[in-house]
Amino acid sequence: MKFFVPATDNEKEAETLYKEIRQFARKNTSPLTDRRIQIISFRDKGRLVSAEVGKIDPIVGETVVAILETIEPGPYLVCTPNRGVK
């Protein structure tokens, strides 16, 4: 699937917003990989759920704008309008 960021009108806008999200995340967490993640599946309170860019996050109920992968083993960062996106 082609890379995209929800609520952007073109590729240039998407790249700019994605870079801003990554810069914000780098300031507030561990280093990030360069992978562009579209979907992740994980367990929340024992149930299997998925977070996918462009769809509603099952945990916070907001649109997933980006999913970032940290270099350190640990959580992925699921970015939504009120969590990690300015």
N, C-alpha and C. Protein backbone atom coordinates (compact mmCIF):
# COMPACT_ATOMS: atom_id res chain seq x y z
N MET A 1 0.84 -1.18 0.00
CA MET A 1 0.00 0.00 0.00
C MET A 1 0.88 1.24 0.00
N LYS A 2 0.45 2.25 -0.69
CA LYS A 2 1.19 3.49 -0.79
C LYS A 2 1.11 4.26 0.54
N PHE A 3 2.24 4.87 0.93
CA PHE A 3 2.31 5.65 2.16
C PHE A 3 1.34 6.83 2.08
N PHE A 4 0.64 7.08 3.21
CA PHE A 4 -0.22 8.26 3.29
C PHE A 4 -0.37 8.68 4.74
N VAL A 5 -0.77 9.91 4.94
CA VAL A 5 -1.12 10.44 6.25
C VAL A 5 -2.53 10.97 6.13
N PRO A 6 -3.45 10.50 6.97
CA PRO A 6 -4.84 10.96 6.88
C PRO A 6 -4.94 12.49 7.01
N ALA A 7 -5.93 13.06 6.37
CA ALA A 7 -6.24 14.49 6.43
C ALA A 7 -5.18 15.37 5.77
N THR A 8 -4.39 14.78 4.87
CA THR A 8 -3.48 15.61 4.07
C THR A 8 -3.96 15.53 2.62
N ASP A 9 -3.66 16.59 1.86
CA ASP A 9 -4.17 16.67 0.49
C ASP A 9 -3.24 16.13 -0.58
N ASN A 10 -1.95 16.03 -0.24
CA ASN A 10 -1.01 15.55 -1.25
C ASN A 10 0.21 14.93 -0.57
N GLU A 11 1.08 14.35 -1.37
CA GLU A 11 2.24 13.64 -0.85
C GLU A 11 3.19 14.57 -0.09
N LYS A 12 3.38 15.77 -0.60
CA LYS A 12 4.27 16.73 0.06
C LYS A 12 3.75 17.08 1.46
N GLU A 13 2.47 17.35 1.56
CA GLU A 13 1.85 17.64 2.87
C GLU A 13 2.00 16.45 3.81
N ALA A 14 1.79 15.26 3.28
CA ALA A 14 1.90 14.04 4.09
C ALA A 14 3.32 13.88 4.63
N GLU A 15 4.31 14.08 3.78
CA GLU A 15 5.71 13.95 4.20
C GLU A 15 6.06 14.98 5.27
N THR A 16 5.59 16.21 5.09
CA THR A 16 5.87 17.28 6.05
C THR A 16 5.27 16.94 7.41
N LEU A 17 4.01 16.54 7.44
CA LEU A 17 3.36 16.21 8.70
C LEU A 17 4.02 14.99 9.34
N TYR A 18 4.36 13.99 8.55
CA TYR A 18 5.01 12.79 9.08
C TYR A 18 6.34 13.14 9.74
N LYS A 19 7.13 14.01 9.10
CA LYS A 19 8.42 14.44 9.68
C LYS A 19 8.19 15.18 10.99
N GLU A 20 7.17 16.03 11.05
CA GLU A 20 6.87 16.76 12.28
C GLU A 20 6.47 15.80 13.41
N ILE A 21 5.68 14.79 13.08
CA ILE A 21 5.28 13.80 14.08
C ILE A 21 6.51 13.07 14.60
N ARG A 22 7.40 12.67 13.71
CA ARG A 22 8.62 11.96 14.11
C ARG A 22 9.51 12.84 14.99
N GLN A 23 9.65 14.11 14.62
CA GLN A 23 10.48 15.02 15.43
C GLN A 23 9.90 15.16 16.84
N PHE A 24 8.60 15.31 16.95
CA PHE A 24 7.95 15.42 18.24
C PHE A 24 8.18 14.15 19.06
N ALA A 25 8.02 13.01 18.42
CA ALA A 25 8.19 11.73 19.11
C ALA A 25 9.63 11.55 19.58
N ARG A 26 10.60 11.93 18.75
CA ARG A 26 12.01 11.79 19.12
C ARG A 26 12.35 12.59 20.37
N LYS A 27 11.71 13.73 20.53
CA LYS A 27 11.96 14.58 21.71
C LYS A 27 11.37 13.96 22.97
N ASN A 28 10.37 13.11 22.83
CA ASN A 28 9.63 12.61 23.98
C ASN A 28 9.76 11.12 24.23
N THR A 29 10.56 10.43 23.44
CA THR A 29 10.70 8.98 23.61
C THR A 29 12.06 8.52 23.13
N SER A 30 12.25 7.24 23.02
CA SER A 30 13.53 6.69 22.55
C SER A 30 13.66 6.86 21.04
N PRO A 31 14.86 6.63 20.48
CA PRO A 31 15.06 6.76 19.04
C PRO A 31 14.10 5.87 18.24
N LEU A 32 13.84 6.28 17.00
CA LEU A 32 12.89 5.59 16.14
C LEU A 32 13.59 4.92 14.96
N THR A 33 12.98 3.87 14.45
CA THR A 33 13.46 3.27 13.20
C THR A 33 12.91 4.10 12.04
N ASP A 34 13.36 3.81 10.84
CA ASP A 34 12.86 4.51 9.65
C ASP A 34 11.68 3.80 9.01
N ARG A 35 11.27 2.66 9.57
CA ARG A 35 10.16 1.90 8.98
C ARG A 35 8.88 2.70 9.03
N ARG A 36 8.09 2.57 7.99
CA ARG A 36 6.77 3.19 7.95
C ARG A 36 5.75 2.08 8.15
N ILE A 37 5.11 2.13 9.29
CA ILE A 37 4.21 1.06 9.71
C ILE A 37 2.77 1.44 9.37
N GLN A 38 2.05 0.55 8.73
CA GLN A 38 0.65 0.81 8.38
C GLN A 38 -0.31 0.22 9.40
N ILE A 39 0.01 -0.96 9.90
CA ILE A 39 -0.91 -1.63 10.82
C ILE A 39 -0.13 -2.48 11.83
N ILE A 40 -0.61 -2.50 13.06
CA ILE A 40 -0.05 -3.40 14.07
C ILE A 40 -1.21 -4.11 14.77
N SER A 41 -0.94 -5.30 15.24
CA SER A 41 -1.91 -6.05 16.04
C SER A 41 -1.29 -6.30 17.40
N PHE A 42 -2.09 -6.22 18.44
CA PHE A 42 -1.58 -6.38 19.80
C PHE A 42 -2.72 -6.78 20.72
N ARG A 43 -2.35 -7.15 21.93
CA ARG A 43 -3.36 -7.51 22.92
C ARG A 43 -3.60 -6.34 23.86
N ASP A 44 -4.86 -6.06 24.13
CA ASP A 44 -5.27 -5.05 25.09
C ASP A 44 -6.27 -5.69 26.03
N LYS A 45 -5.87 -5.82 27.29
CA LYS A 45 -6.73 -6.46 28.29
C LYS A 45 -7.19 -7.85 27.84
N GLY A 46 -6.25 -8.56 27.20
CA GLY A 46 -6.52 -9.93 26.80
C GLY A 46 -7.16 -10.11 25.43
N ARG A 47 -7.64 -9.05 24.82
CA ARG A 47 -8.27 -9.21 23.50
C ARG A 47 -7.33 -8.73 22.40
N LEU A 48 -7.36 -9.40 21.26
CA LEU A 48 -6.53 -9.05 20.12
C LEU A 48 -7.18 -7.90 19.37
N VAL A 49 -6.43 -6.80 19.20
CA VAL A 49 -6.93 -5.64 18.47
C VAL A 49 -5.88 -5.18 17.47
N SER A 50 -6.28 -4.33 16.53
CA SER A 50 -5.37 -3.77 15.54
C SER A 50 -5.52 -2.27 15.48
N ALA A 51 -4.40 -1.60 15.25
CA ALA A 51 -4.39 -0.16 14.99
C ALA A 51 -3.87 0.01 13.57
N GLU A 52 -4.60 0.75 12.74
CA GLU A 52 -4.23 0.92 11.33
C GLU A 52 -4.33 2.39 10.95
N VAL A 53 -3.31 2.88 10.24
CA VAL A 53 -3.30 4.27 9.79
C VAL A 53 -4.55 4.53 8.95
N GLY A 54 -5.23 5.63 9.29
CA GLY A 54 -6.44 6.02 8.57
C GLY A 54 -7.72 5.49 9.17
N LYS A 55 -7.59 4.59 10.15
CA LYS A 55 -8.78 4.01 10.79
C LYS A 55 -8.85 4.44 12.26
N ILE A 56 -9.98 4.21 12.88
CA ILE A 56 -10.18 4.59 14.27
C ILE A 56 -9.41 3.62 15.18
N ASP A 57 -8.62 4.18 16.09
CA ASP A 57 -7.87 3.38 17.04
C ASP A 57 -8.85 2.74 18.02
N PRO A 58 -8.73 1.44 18.27
CA PRO A 58 -9.68 0.76 19.14
C PRO A 58 -9.55 1.13 20.62
N ILE A 59 -8.44 1.73 21.00
CA ILE A 59 -8.21 2.07 22.40
C ILE A 59 -8.67 3.49 22.72
N VAL A 60 -8.23 4.48 21.93
CA VAL A 60 -8.56 5.88 22.23
C VAL A 60 -9.70 6.44 21.40
N GLY A 61 -10.14 5.72 20.37
CA GLY A 61 -11.29 6.15 19.58
C GLY A 61 -11.02 7.32 18.66
N GLU A 62 -9.76 7.52 18.28
CA GLU A 62 -9.39 8.59 17.35
C GLU A 62 -8.75 7.99 16.10
N THR A 63 -8.72 8.75 15.02
CA THR A 63 -8.09 8.29 13.79
C THR A 63 -6.58 8.14 13.99
N VAL A 64 -6.04 7.01 13.57
CA VAL A 64 -4.60 6.78 13.62
C VAL A 64 -3.96 7.56 12.48
N VAL A 65 -3.04 8.47 12.83
CA VAL A 65 -2.37 9.31 11.84
C VAL A 65 -1.03 8.69 11.43
N ALA A 66 -0.35 8.08 12.38
CA ALA A 66 0.94 7.44 12.10
C ALA A 66 1.21 6.38 13.17
N ILE A 67 2.00 5.39 12.80
CA ILE A 67 2.48 4.39 13.75
C ILE A 67 3.99 4.38 13.62
N LEU A 68 4.67 4.64 14.74
CA LEU A 68 6.12 4.72 14.74
C LEU A 68 6.69 3.55 15.53
N GLU A 69 7.87 3.10 15.10
CA GLU A 69 8.54 1.98 15.75
C GLU A 69 9.78 2.49 16.48
N THR A 70 9.91 2.17 17.75
CA THR A 70 11.10 2.58 18.50
C THR A 70 12.23 1.58 18.25
N ILE A 71 13.46 2.06 18.35
CA ILE A 71 14.62 1.19 18.17
C ILE A 71 14.74 0.23 19.35
N GLU A 72 14.53 0.74 20.55
CA GLU A 72 14.57 -0.10 21.74
C GLU A 72 13.40 -1.09 21.67
N PRO A 73 13.61 -2.32 22.08
CA PRO A 73 12.46 -3.23 22.13
C PRO A 73 11.40 -2.64 23.06
N GLY A 74 10.21 -2.62 22.60
CA GLY A 74 9.17 -2.04 23.42
C GLY A 74 7.98 -1.63 22.58
N PRO A 75 7.23 -0.67 23.04
CA PRO A 75 5.97 -0.35 22.36
C PRO A 75 6.17 0.39 21.05
N TYR A 76 5.19 0.22 20.18
CA TYR A 76 5.08 1.08 19.01
C TYR A 76 4.35 2.33 19.48
N LEU A 77 4.52 3.43 18.76
CA LEU A 77 3.83 4.66 19.10
C LEU A 77 2.68 4.85 18.12
N VAL A 78 1.46 4.76 18.61
CA VAL A 78 0.28 4.96 17.77
C VAL A 78 -0.13 6.42 17.94
N CYS A 79 0.07 7.20 16.89
CA CYS A 79 -0.15 8.65 16.94
C CYS A 79 -1.53 9.00 16.41
N THR A 80 -2.26 9.75 17.22
CA THR A 80 -3.61 10.23 16.85
C THR A 80 -3.63 11.74 17.02
N PRO A 81 -4.69 12.42 16.59
CA PRO A 81 -4.72 13.87 16.70
C PRO A 81 -4.41 14.42 18.10
N ASN A 82 -4.77 13.70 19.15
CA ASN A 82 -4.51 14.17 20.51
C ASN A 82 -3.38 13.42 21.21
N ARG A 83 -2.72 12.55 20.49
CA ARG A 83 -1.60 11.79 21.05
C ARG A 83 -0.47 11.72 20.05
N GLY A 84 0.41 12.71 20.11
CA GLY A 84 1.60 12.70 19.27
C GLY A 84 1.51 13.51 18.00
N VAL A 85 0.35 14.06 17.69
CA VAL A 85 0.20 14.89 16.48
C VAL A 85 -0.21 16.28 16.94
N LYS A 86 0.52 17.30 16.47
CA LYS A 86 0.18 18.67 16.86
C LYS A 86 -1.13 19.10 16.26
